[in-house]
Amino acid sequence: MVSFPLTASISPEGSAAGLDAALQALPRNRHGAAIDLDAARSELEPLDAIGRMRWAQEAFAGHFAITTSFGIQSAVMLHMVSTLDASGAWPAIPVLWVDTGYLPPETYRYADELCDRLKLDLHVLQSDLSPARMEALHGRLWETGNRDDMRTYNRLRKVEPLDRGLERLEVHCWASGVRAGQTDHRGAMHGLDPVRERWSLRPLLAWSRRDVYYYMQEHDLPQHPLFDQGYSTVGDWHTSAPDDGTTNGRATRFGGLQQECGIHMPGLMGEGI
């Protein structure tokens, strides 16, 4: 894969020249042309979710993928992928699943159900460290109540496996199902952003929980088994919990220490992950 390092370094106030240089270093479209970020966002704005995914599928032909957690709302984008793949106009869209080794049994069974039904091109990404080896070397990082330990856990089990998968599959643009209402960080996102040397597309960014529910109803998509147990979001078994009327949504994740695992953090021009 061609490497696209972001070498620009700018001040907190920003530099138009530095930002432009960084954007020029990002992957180009299938015609070899640089992506004009403002123009692309304007083009994407009036499109519906599947139209935005179709835009990326065509712009980055063979280098577009989506990520999934097989969580509460994951069936929506997976169904859209299945619809786009059925046209046969472009290569099948790889579905990247970061399996931490600590997902609830219900999630593993749900993943099998959706893969069988939607015929997905699934790629399972895992840490080089088995859960047992990680715990032997680093301990049960999620139990310490230390924010740095949680960051280490997420880096080892989520961020690094995803980055390796994106590199191996030569992904130039990846789509995720994040929604603006989930966290403060996601509320500040755009539909298209540069994230760690690639383009990140958010087709469902403006969707509400109601939009997700009605789409699943319309297309007769199965709910995650933990939805009926009060979970509005689910990740690893040890850092997920049902809504309890006081703590809801992403606030139930990671023991309340944080709302993001690092996958969706920019990593752009010194910002880290």
C-alpha atoms as a PDB file:
ATOM      1  CA  MET A   1       0.000   0.000   0.000  1.00  0.00           C
ATOM      2  CA  VAL A   2       1.147   3.535  -0.692  1.00  0.00           C
ATOM      3  CA  SER A   3       1.926   5.339   2.564  1.00  0.00           C
ATOM      4  CA  PHE A   4       0.244   8.663   3.219  1.00  0.00           C
ATOM      5  CA  PRO A   5       2.066  10.145   6.223  1.00  0.00           C
ATOM      6  CA  LEU A   6       0.739  13.347   7.707  1.00  0.00           C
ATOM      7  CA  THR A   7       3.911  15.304   8.294  1.00  0.00           C
ATOM      8  CA  ALA A   8       2.400  18.746   8.755  1.00  0.00           C
ATOM      9  CA  SER A   9       2.851  20.264  12.190  1.00  0.00           C
ATOM     10  CA  ILE A  10       0.738  23.276  13.049  1.00  0.00           C
ATOM     11  CA  SER A  11       0.056  25.465  16.048  1.00  0.00           C
ATOM     12  CA  PRO A  12      -3.144  25.094  18.121  1.00  0.00           C
ATOM     13  CA  GLU A  13      -4.491  28.140  16.291  1.00  0.00           C
ATOM     14  CA  GLY A  14      -4.040  26.273  13.016  1.00  0.00           C
ATOM     15  CA  SER A  15      -2.368  27.107   9.745  1.00  0.00           C
ATOM     16  CA  ALA A  16      -4.213  27.092   6.450  1.00  0.00           C
ATOM     17  CA  ALA A  17      -1.034  26.146   4.603  1.00  0.00           C
ATOM     18  CA  GLY A  18      -0.215  23.343   7.024  1.00  0.00           C
ATOM     19  CA  LEU A  19      -3.746  21.978   6.907  1.00  0.00           C
ATOM     20  CA  ASP A  20      -3.790  22.075   3.120  1.00  0.00           C
ATOM     21  CA  ALA A  21      -0.473  20.204   2.963  1.00  0.00           C
ATOM     22  CA  ALA A  22      -1.811  17.544   5.337  1.00  0.00           C
ATOM     23  CA  LEU A  23      -4.993  17.109   3.310  1.00  0.00           C
ATOM     24  CA  GLN A  24      -2.989  16.826   0.090  1.00  0.00           C
ATOM     25  CA  ALA A  25      -1.085  13.901   1.661  1.00  0.00           C
ATOM     26  CA  LEU A  26      -4.301  11.931   2.241  1.00  0.00           C
ATOM     27  CA  PRO A  27      -5.405   9.149  -0.128  1.00  0.00           C
ATOM     28  CA  ARG A  28      -6.726  10.301  -3.502  1.00  0.00           C
ATOM     29  CA  ASN A  29      -9.798   9.144  -5.368  1.00  0.00           C
ATOM     30  CA  ARG A  30      -9.813   6.400  -7.982  1.00  0.00           C
ATOM     31  CA  HIS A  31      -8.830   8.911 -10.677  1.00  0.00           C
ATOM     32  CA  GLY A  32      -5.754   9.980  -8.723  1.00  0.00           C
ATOM     33  CA  ALA A  33      -7.198  13.373  -7.856  1.00  0.00           C
ATOM     34  CA  ALA A  34      -6.876  14.908  -4.392  1.00  0.00           C
ATOM     35  CA  ILE A  35     -10.089  15.158  -2.382  1.00  0.00           C
ATOM     36  CA  ASP A  36     -11.285  18.728  -1.895  1.00  0.00           C
ATOM     37  CA  LEU A  37     -12.653  18.440   1.647  1.00  0.00           C
ATOM     38  CA  ASP A  38     -15.070  21.373   1.485  1.00  0.00           C
ATOM     39  CA  ALA A  39     -16.390  20.336  -1.929  1.00  0.00           C
ATOM     40  CA  ALA A  40     -16.788  16.719  -0.828  1.00  0.00           C
ATOM     41  CA  ARG A  41     -18.713  17.722   2.293  1.00  0.00           C
ATOM     42  CA  SER A  42     -21.007  19.898   0.179  1.00  0.00           C
ATOM     43  CA  GLU A  43     -21.583  17.044  -2.247  1.00  0.00           C
ATOM     44  CA  LEU A  44     -22.359  14.621   0.577  1.00  0.00           C
ATOM     45  CA  GLU A  45     -24.669  16.946   2.516  1.00  0.00           C
ATOM     46  CA  PRO A  46     -27.901  16.418   0.486  1.00  0.00           C
ATOM     47  CA  LEU A  47     -27.402  12.650   0.102  1.00  0.00           C
ATOM     48  CA  ASP A  48     -29.098  10.059   2.272  1.00  0.00           C
ATOM     49  CA  ALA A  49     -27.011   7.558   4.225  1.00  0.00           C
ATOM     50  CA  ILE A  50     -26.781   4.912   1.532  1.00  0.00           C
ATOM     51  CA  GLY A  51     -26.095   7.631  -1.051  1.00  0.00           C
ATOM     52  CA  ARG A  52     -23.114   8.774   0.996  1.00  0.00           C
ATOM     53  CA  MET A  53     -21.789   5.237   1.138  1.00  0.00           C
ATOM     54  CA  ARG A  54     -22.300   4.894  -2.615  1.00  0.00           C
ATOM     55  CA  TRP A  55     -20.299   8.110  -3.088  1.00  0.00           C
ATOM     56  CA  ALA A  56     -17.368   6.619  -1.158  1.00  0.00           C
ATOM     57  CA  GLN A  57     -17.684   3.255  -2.886  1.00  0.00           C
ATOM     58  CA  GLU A  58     -17.360   4.964  -6.271  1.00  0.00           C
ATOM     59  CA  ALA A  59     -14.749   7.557  -5.258  1.00  0.00           C
ATOM     60  CA  PHE A  60     -12.413   4.993  -3.668  1.00  0.00           C
ATOM     61  CA  ALA A  61     -13.310   1.931  -5.746  1.00  0.00           C
ATOM     62  CA  GLY A  62     -11.772  -1.140  -4.127  1.00  0.00           C
ATOM     63  CA  HIS A  63     -10.359   0.927  -1.249  1.00  0.00           C
ATOM     64  CA  PHE A  64     -13.538   1.624   0.723  1.00  0.00           C
ATOM     65  CA  ALA A  65     -14.574  -0.377   3.797  1.00  0.00           C
ATOM     66  CA  ILE A  66     -16.833  -0.071   6.817  1.00  0.00           C
ATOM     67  CA  THR A  67     -16.226  -0.870  10.440  1.00  0.00           C
ATOM     68  CA  THR A  68     -18.755  -2.558  12.689  1.00  0.00           C
ATOM     69  CA  SER A  69     -19.025  -3.590  16.323  1.00  0.00           C
ATOM     70  CA  PHE A  70     -22.107  -5.764  15.765  1.00  0.00           C
ATOM     71  CA  GLY A  71     -23.647  -3.555  18.413  1.00  0.00           C
ATOM     72  CA  ILE A  72     -27.136  -2.228  19.002  1.00  0.00           C
ATOM     73  CA  GLN A  73     -27.490  -0.221  15.762  1.00  0.00           C
ATOM     74  CA  SER A  74     -24.970  -2.079  13.586  1.00  0.00           C
ATOM     75  CA  ALA A  75     -27.560  -3.855  11.471  1.00  0.00           C
ATOM     76  CA  VAL A  76     -28.457  -0.570   9.739  1.00  0.00           C
ATOM     77  CA  MET A  77     -25.149   0.035   7.959  1.00  0.00           C
ATOM     78  CA  LEU A  78     -24.584  -3.673   7.409  1.00  0.00           C
ATOM     79  CA  HIS A  79     -27.910  -3.848   5.584  1.00  0.00           C
ATOM     80  CA  MET A  80     -26.849  -0.867   3.446  1.00  0.00           C
ATOM     81  CA  VAL A  81     -23.588  -2.630   2.595  1.00  0.00           C
ATOM     82  CA  SER A  82     -25.534  -5.709   1.552  1.00  0.00           C
ATOM     83  CA  THR A  83     -27.750  -3.550  -0.673  1.00  0.00           C
ATOM     84  CA  LEU A  84     -24.777  -1.865  -2.346  1.00  0.00           C
ATOM     85  CA  ASP A  85     -22.948  -5.173  -2.829  1.00  0.00           C
ATOM     86  CA  ALA A  86     -26.036  -6.692  -4.478  1.00  0.00           C
ATOM     87  CA  SER A  87     -25.715  -4.258  -7.391  1.00  0.00           C
ATOM     88  CA  GLY A  88     -22.404  -5.822  -8.412  1.00  0.00           C
ATOM     89  CA  ALA A  89     -21.252  -2.483  -9.840  1.00  0.00           C
ATOM     90  CA  TRP A  90     -18.174  -2.278  -7.606  1.00  0.00           C
ATOM     91  CA  PRO A  91     -16.061  -4.687  -5.537  1.00  0.00           C
ATOM     92  CA  ALA A  92     -17.739  -5.975  -2.373  1.00  0.00           C
ATOM     93  CA  ILE A  93     -17.284  -3.647   0.585  1.00  0.00           C
ATOM     94  CA  PRO A  94     -15.106  -5.229   3.290  1.00  0.00           C
ATOM     95  CA  VAL A  95     -16.675  -5.214   6.751  1.00  0.00           C
ATOM     96  CA  LEU A  96     -14.023  -4.810   9.453  1.00  0.00           C
ATOM     97  CA  TRP A  97     -14.907  -6.159  12.887  1.00  0.00           C
ATOM     98  CA  VAL A  98     -12.514  -5.538  15.767  1.00  0.00           C
ATOM     99  CA  ASP A  99     -13.001  -8.567  18.021  1.00  0.00           C
ATOM    100  CA  THR A 100     -11.397  -7.743  21.356  1.00  0.00           C
ATOM    101  CA  GLY A 101     -11.916 -11.255  22.697  1.00  0.00           C
ATOM    102  CA  TYR A 102     -14.080  -9.763  25.448  1.00  0.00           C
ATOM    103  CA  LEU A 103     -17.404  -9.314  23.677  1.00  0.00           C
ATOM    104  CA  PRO A 104     -20.596 -10.693  25.235  1.00  0.00           C
ATOM    105  CA  PRO A 105     -21.737 -14.111  23.988  1.00  0.00           C
ATOM    106  CA  GLU A 106     -24.835 -12.402  22.607  1.00  0.00           C
ATOM    107  CA  THR A 107     -22.695 -10.247  20.328  1.00  0.00           C
ATOM    108  CA  TYR A 108     -20.861 -13.225  18.841  1.00  0.00           C
ATOM    109  CA  ARG A 109     -24.155 -14.978  18.122  1.00  0.00           C
ATOM    110  CA  TYR A 110     -25.671 -11.785  16.704  1.00  0.00           C
ATOM    111  CA  ALA A 111     -22.673 -11.372  14.393  1.00  0.00           C
ATOM    112  CA  ASP A 112     -23.172 -14.876  13.023  1.00  0.00           C
ATOM    113  CA  GLU A 113     -26.869 -14.193  12.460  1.00  0.00           C
ATOM    114  CA  LEU A 114     -26.266 -10.968  10.527  1.00  0.00           C
ATOM    115  CA  CYS A 115     -23.400 -12.416   8.475  1.00  0.00           C
ATOM    116  CA  ASP A 116     -25.525 -15.395   7.424  1.00  0.00           C
ATOM    117  CA  ARG A 117     -28.457 -13.186   6.525  1.00  0.00           C
ATOM    118  CA  LEU A 118     -26.624 -10.350   4.757  1.00  0.00           C
ATOM    119  CA  LYS A 119     -23.741 -12.299   3.147  1.00  0.00           C
ATOM    120  CA  LEU A 120     -21.084  -9.880   4.316  1.00  0.00           C
ATOM    121  CA  ASP A 121     -17.424  -9.780   3.300  1.00  0.00           C
ATOM    122  CA  LEU A 122     -16.313  -9.976   6.942  1.00  0.00           C
ATOM    123  CA  HIS A 123     -12.751  -9.435   8.130  1.00  0.00           C
ATOM    124  CA  VAL A 124     -12.141 -10.144  11.831  1.00  0.00           C
ATOM    125  CA  LEU A 125      -9.374  -8.018  13.356  1.00  0.00           C
ATOM    126  CA  GLN A 126      -7.765  -9.041  16.639  1.00  0.00           C
ATOM    127  CA  SER A 127      -4.885  -8.003  18.858  1.00  0.00           C
ATOM    128  CA  ASP A 128      -1.543  -9.772  18.558  1.00  0.00           C
ATOM    129  CA  LEU A 129      -1.888 -10.408  22.304  1.00  0.00           C
ATOM    130  CA  SER A 130      -4.421 -13.033  23.354  1.00  0.00           C
ATOM    131  CA  PRO A 131      -6.645 -11.969  26.273  1.00  0.00           C
ATOM    132  CA  ALA A 132      -4.776 -14.369  28.584  1.00  0.00           C
ATOM    133  CA  ARG A 133      -1.365 -13.085  27.552  1.00  0.00           C
ATOM    134  CA  MET A 134      -2.422  -9.455  27.908  1.00  0.00           C
ATOM    135  CA  GLU A 135      -3.766 -10.065  31.396  1.00  0.00           C
ATOM    136  CA  ALA A 136      -0.565 -11.893  32.388  1.00  0.00           C
ATOM    137  CA  LEU A 137       1.621  -9.025  31.174  1.00  0.00           C
ATOM    138  CA  HIS A 138      -0.538  -6.011  31.981  1.00  0.00           C
ATOM    139  CA  GLY A 139      -3.249  -7.198  34.347  1.00  0.00           C
ATOM    140  CA  ARG A 140      -6.983  -6.704  33.986  1.00  0.00           C
ATOM    141  CA  LEU A 141      -6.625  -3.160  32.749  1.00  0.00           C
ATOM    142  CA  TRP A 142     -10.334  -2.387  32.809  1.00  0.00           C
ATOM    143  CA  GLU A 143     -10.567  -3.033  36.557  1.00  0.00           C
ATOM    144  CA  THR A 144      -8.054  -0.487  37.859  1.00  0.00           C
ATOM    145  CA  GLY A 145     -10.215   2.621  37.534  1.00  0.00           C
ATOM    146  CA  ASN A 146      -7.212   4.317  35.945  1.00  0.00           C
ATOM    147  CA  ARG A 147      -7.881   6.263  32.756  1.00  0.00           C
ATOM    148  CA  ASP A 148      -4.401   5.522  31.368  1.00  0.00           C
ATOM    149  CA  ASP A 149      -4.939   1.780  31.851  1.00  0.00           C
ATOM    150  CA  MET A 150      -8.219   2.013  29.946  1.00  0.00           C
ATOM    151  CA  ARG A 151      -6.460   3.859  27.137  1.00  0.00           C
ATOM    152  CA  THR A 152      -3.795   1.147  27.030  1.00  0.00           C
ATOM    153  CA  TYR A 153      -6.492  -1.528  26.869  1.00  0.00           C
ATOM    154  CA  ASN A 154      -8.276   0.206  23.997  1.00  0.00           C
ATOM    155  CA  ARG A 155      -5.022   0.792  22.125  1.00  0.00           C
ATOM    156  CA  LEU A 156      -3.964  -2.856  22.391  1.00  0.00           C
ATOM    157  CA  ARG A 157      -7.304  -4.477  21.708  1.00  0.00           C
ATOM    158  CA  LYS A 158      -9.041  -2.009  19.387  1.00  0.00           C
ATOM    159  CA  VAL A 159      -7.019   0.796  17.830  1.00  0.00           C
ATOM    160  CA  GLU A 160      -3.886  -1.096  16.798  1.00  0.00           C
ATOM    161  CA  PRO A 161      -5.781  -4.092  15.328  1.00  0.00           C
ATOM    162  CA  LEU A 162      -7.960  -1.734  13.294  1.00  0.00           C
ATOM    163  CA  ASP A 163      -5.009   0.269  11.996  1.00  0.00           C
ATOM    164  CA  ARG A 164      -3.250  -2.935  10.920  1.00  0.00           C
ATOM    165  CA  GLY A 165      -6.406  -4.118   9.163  1.00  0.00           C
ATOM    166  CA  LEU A 166      -6.856  -0.821   7.336  1.00  0.00           C
ATOM    167  CA  GLU A 167      -3.241  -1.003   6.180  1.00  0.00           C
ATOM    168  CA  ARG A 168      -3.427  -4.649   5.087  1.00  0.00           C
ATOM    169  CA  LEU A 169      -6.635  -4.126   3.108  1.00  0.00           C
ATOM    170  CA  GLU A 170      -5.342  -0.871   1.585  1.00  0.00           C
ATOM    171  CA  VAL A 171      -8.339   1.100   2.829  1.00  0.00           C
ATOM    172  CA  HIS A 172      -8.367   4.761   1.806  1.00  0.00           C
ATOM    173  CA  CYS A 173     -11.780   5.609   3.242  1.00  0.00           C
ATOM    174  CA  TRP A 174     -13.736   3.835   5.984  1.00  0.00           C
ATOM    175  CA  ALA A 175     -17.279   4.401   7.137  1.00  0.00           C
ATOM    176  CA  SER A 176     -18.613   3.948  10.649  1.00  0.00           C
ATOM    177  CA  GLY A 177     -22.047   4.185  12.205  1.00  0.00           C
ATOM    178  CA  VAL A 178     -21.266   6.921  14.738  1.00  0.00           C
ATOM    179  CA  ARG A 179     -24.045   9.406  15.488  1.00  0.00           C
ATOM    180  CA  ALA A 180     -23.653  13.002  16.646  1.00  0.00           C
ATOM    181  CA  GLY A 181     -25.889  12.544  19.678  1.00  0.00           C
ATOM    182  CA  GLN A 182     -23.781   9.764  21.200  1.00  0.00           C
ATOM    183  CA  THR A 183     -20.861  11.771  22.662  1.00  0.00           C
ATOM    184  CA  ASP A 184     -19.548  15.331  22.756  1.00  0.00           C
ATOM    185  CA  HIS A 185     -16.690  14.329  20.466  1.00  0.00           C
ATOM    186  CA  ARG A 186     -19.074  12.849  17.907  1.00  0.00           C
ATOM    187  CA  GLY A 187     -21.254  15.936  18.105  1.00  0.00           C
ATOM    188  CA  ALA A 188     -18.337  17.936  16.708  1.00  0.00           C
ATOM    189  CA  MET A 189     -17.699  15.556  13.798  1.00  0.00           C
ATOM    190  CA  HIS A 190     -18.446  16.202  10.138  1.00  0.00           C
ATOM    191  CA  GLY A 191     -19.842  13.708   7.658  1.00  0.00           C
ATOM    192  CA  LEU A 192     -16.336  13.382   6.209  1.00  0.00           C
ATOM    193  CA  ASP A 193     -13.123  13.954   8.170  1.00  0.00           C
ATOM    194  CA  PRO A 194      -9.464  12.964   7.941  1.00  0.00           C
ATOM    195  CA  VAL A 195      -8.706  10.429  10.677  1.00  0.00           C
ATOM    196  CA  ARG A 196      -5.239   8.936  11.139  1.00  0.00           C
ATOM    197  CA  GLU A 197      -4.045   9.269   7.534  1.00  0.00           C
ATOM    198  CA  ARG A 198      -7.309   8.147   5.940  1.00  0.00           C
ATOM    199  CA  TRP A 199     -10.761   9.488   5.181  1.00  0.00           C
ATOM    200  CA  SER A 200     -13.518   8.698   7.663  1.00  0.00           C
ATOM    201  CA  LEU A 201     -17.125   8.802   6.464  1.00  0.00           C
ATOM    202  CA  ARG A 202     -20.083   9.020   8.890  1.00  0.00           C
ATOM    203  CA  PRO A 203     -23.277   8.245   6.908  1.00  0.00           C
ATOM    204  CA  LEU A 204     -25.493   8.094  10.008  1.00  0.00           C
ATOM    205  CA  LEU A 205     -24.061  11.129  11.794  1.00  0.00           C
ATOM    206  CA  ALA A 206     -27.347  13.076  11.818  1.00  0.00           C
ATOM    207  CA  TRP A 207     -29.524  10.064  12.611  1.00  0.00           C
ATOM    208  CA  SER A 208     -31.491   9.791  15.841  1.00  0.00           C
ATOM    209  CA  ARG A 209     -32.325   6.643  17.786  1.00  0.00           C
ATOM    210  CA  ARG A 210     -35.771   6.863  16.225  1.00  0.00           C
ATOM    211  CA  ASP A 211     -34.273   6.877  12.711  1.00  0.00           C
ATOM    212  CA  VAL A 212     -32.320   3.723  13.565  1.00  0.00           C
ATOM    213  CA  TYR A 213     -35.386   2.027  15.032  1.00  0.00           C
ATOM    214  CA  TYR A 214     -37.628   2.801  12.052  1.00  0.00           C
ATOM    215  CA  TYR A 215     -35.019   1.677   9.524  1.00  0.00           C
ATOM    216  CA  MET A 216     -34.678  -1.645  11.313  1.00  0.00           C
ATOM    217  CA  GLN A 217     -38.441  -2.025  11.438  1.00  0.00           C
ATOM    218  CA  GLU A 218     -38.847  -1.178   7.749  1.00  0.00           C
ATOM    219  CA  HIS A 219     -36.269  -3.756   6.688  1.00  0.00           C
ATOM    220  CA  ASP A 220     -37.194  -6.377   9.292  1.00  0.00           C
ATOM    221  CA  LEU A 221     -33.722  -6.430  10.799  1.00  0.00           C
ATOM    222  CA  PRO A 222     -33.136  -8.343  14.034  1.00  0.00           C
ATOM    223  CA  GLN A 223     -32.282  -6.431  17.192  1.00  0.00           C
ATOM    224  CA  HIS A 224     -29.184  -7.188  19.223  1.00  0.00           C
ATOM    225  CA  PRO A 225     -30.277  -9.587  22.003  1.00  0.00           C
ATOM    226  CA  LEU A 226     -29.099  -7.161  24.709  1.00  0.00           C
ATOM    227  CA  PHE A 227     -31.383  -4.391  23.423  1.00  0.00           C
ATOM    228  CA  ASP A 228     -34.328  -6.000  25.199  1.00  0.00           C
ATOM    229  CA  GLN A 229     -32.274  -6.039  28.401  1.00  0.00           C
ATOM    230  CA  GLY A 230     -31.987  -2.248  28.401  1.00  0.00           C
ATOM    231  CA  TYR A 231     -28.700  -1.743  26.567  1.00  0.00           C
ATOM    232  CA  SER A 232     -28.635   1.260  24.220  1.00  0.00           C
ATOM    233  CA  THR A 233     -24.949   0.633  23.437  1.00  0.00           C
ATOM    234  CA  VAL A 234     -22.793  -2.434  23.921  1.00  0.00           C
ATOM    235  CA  GLY A 235     -19.101  -3.189  23.540  1.00  0.00           C
ATOM    236  CA  ASP A 236     -16.994  -5.440  25.768  1.00  0.00           C
ATOM    237  CA  TRP A 237     -18.829  -7.331  28.494  1.00  0.00           C
ATOM    238  CA  HIS A 238     -16.739  -5.728  31.243  1.00  0.00           C
ATOM    239  CA  THR A 239     -17.242  -2.110  30.186  1.00  0.00           C
ATOM    240  CA  SER A 240     -20.872  -2.129  29.021  1.00  0.00           C
ATOM    241  CA  ALA A 241     -24.024  -1.779  31.082  1.00  0.00           C
ATOM    242  CA  PRO A 242     -27.741  -1.289  30.511  1.00  0.00           C
ATOM    243  CA  ASP A 243     -29.278   2.153  30.859  1.00  0.00           C
ATOM    244  CA  ASP A 244     -30.553   2.614  34.395  1.00  0.00           C
ATOM    245  CA  GLY A 245     -32.454   5.879  34.108  1.00  0.00           C
ATOM    246  CA  THR A 246     -29.546   7.857  35.539  1.00  0.00           C
ATOM    247  CA  THR A 247     -26.646   6.693  33.390  1.00  0.00           C
ATOM    248  CA  ASN A 248     -27.566   6.211  29.747  1.00  0.00           C
ATOM    249  CA  GLY A 249     -26.042   5.721  26.322  1.00  0.00           C
ATOM    250  CA  ARG A 250     -22.267   6.081  25.950  1.00  0.00           C
ATOM    251  CA  ALA A 251     -22.023   7.194  29.589  1.00  0.00           C
ATOM    252  CA  THR A 252     -22.542   3.520  30.520  1.00  0.00           C
ATOM    253  CA  ARG A 253     -19.309   2.544  28.753  1.00  0.00           C
ATOM    254  CA  PHE A 254     -15.723   2.164  30.062  1.00  0.00           C
ATOM    255  CA  GLY A 255     -16.710   2.389  33.712  1.00  0.00           C
ATOM    256  CA  GLY A 256     -17.581   6.063  33.262  1.00  0.00           C
ATOM    257  CA  LEU A 257     -13.909   6.930  32.666  1.00  0.00           C
ATOM    258  CA  GLN A 258     -14.406   7.936  29.025  1.00  0.00           C
ATOM    259  CA  GLN A 259     -16.850   7.711  26.144  1.00  0.00           C
ATOM    260  CA  GLU A 260     -14.481   6.964  23.244  1.00  0.00           C
ATOM    261  CA  CYS A 261     -12.218   3.949  22.728  1.00  0.00           C
ATOM    262  CA  GLY A 262      -9.811   5.841  20.450  1.00  0.00           C
ATOM    263  CA  ILE A 263     -10.862   4.407  17.089  1.00  0.00           C
ATOM    264  CA  HIS A 264     -12.650   7.604  16.063  1.00  0.00           C
ATOM    265  CA  MET A 265     -10.081  10.059  17.405  1.00  0.00           C
ATOM    266  CA  PRO A 266      -8.273  12.122  14.769  1.00  0.00           C
ATOM    267  CA  GLY A 267      -4.601  11.368  15.286  1.00  0.00           C
ATOM    268  CA  LEU A 268      -4.090  14.238  12.883  1.00  0.00           C
ATOM    269  CA  MET A 269      -1.171  16.643  13.182  1.00  0.00           C
ATOM    270  CA  GLY A 270      -0.133  15.679  16.687  1.00  0.00           C
ATOM    271  CA  GLU A 271      -3.573  15.249  18.219  1.00  0.00           C
ATOM    272  CA  GLY A 272      -2.981  11.570  19.096  1.00  0.00           C
ATOM    273  CA  ILE A 273      -5.617   8.827  19.120  1.00  0.00           C
END
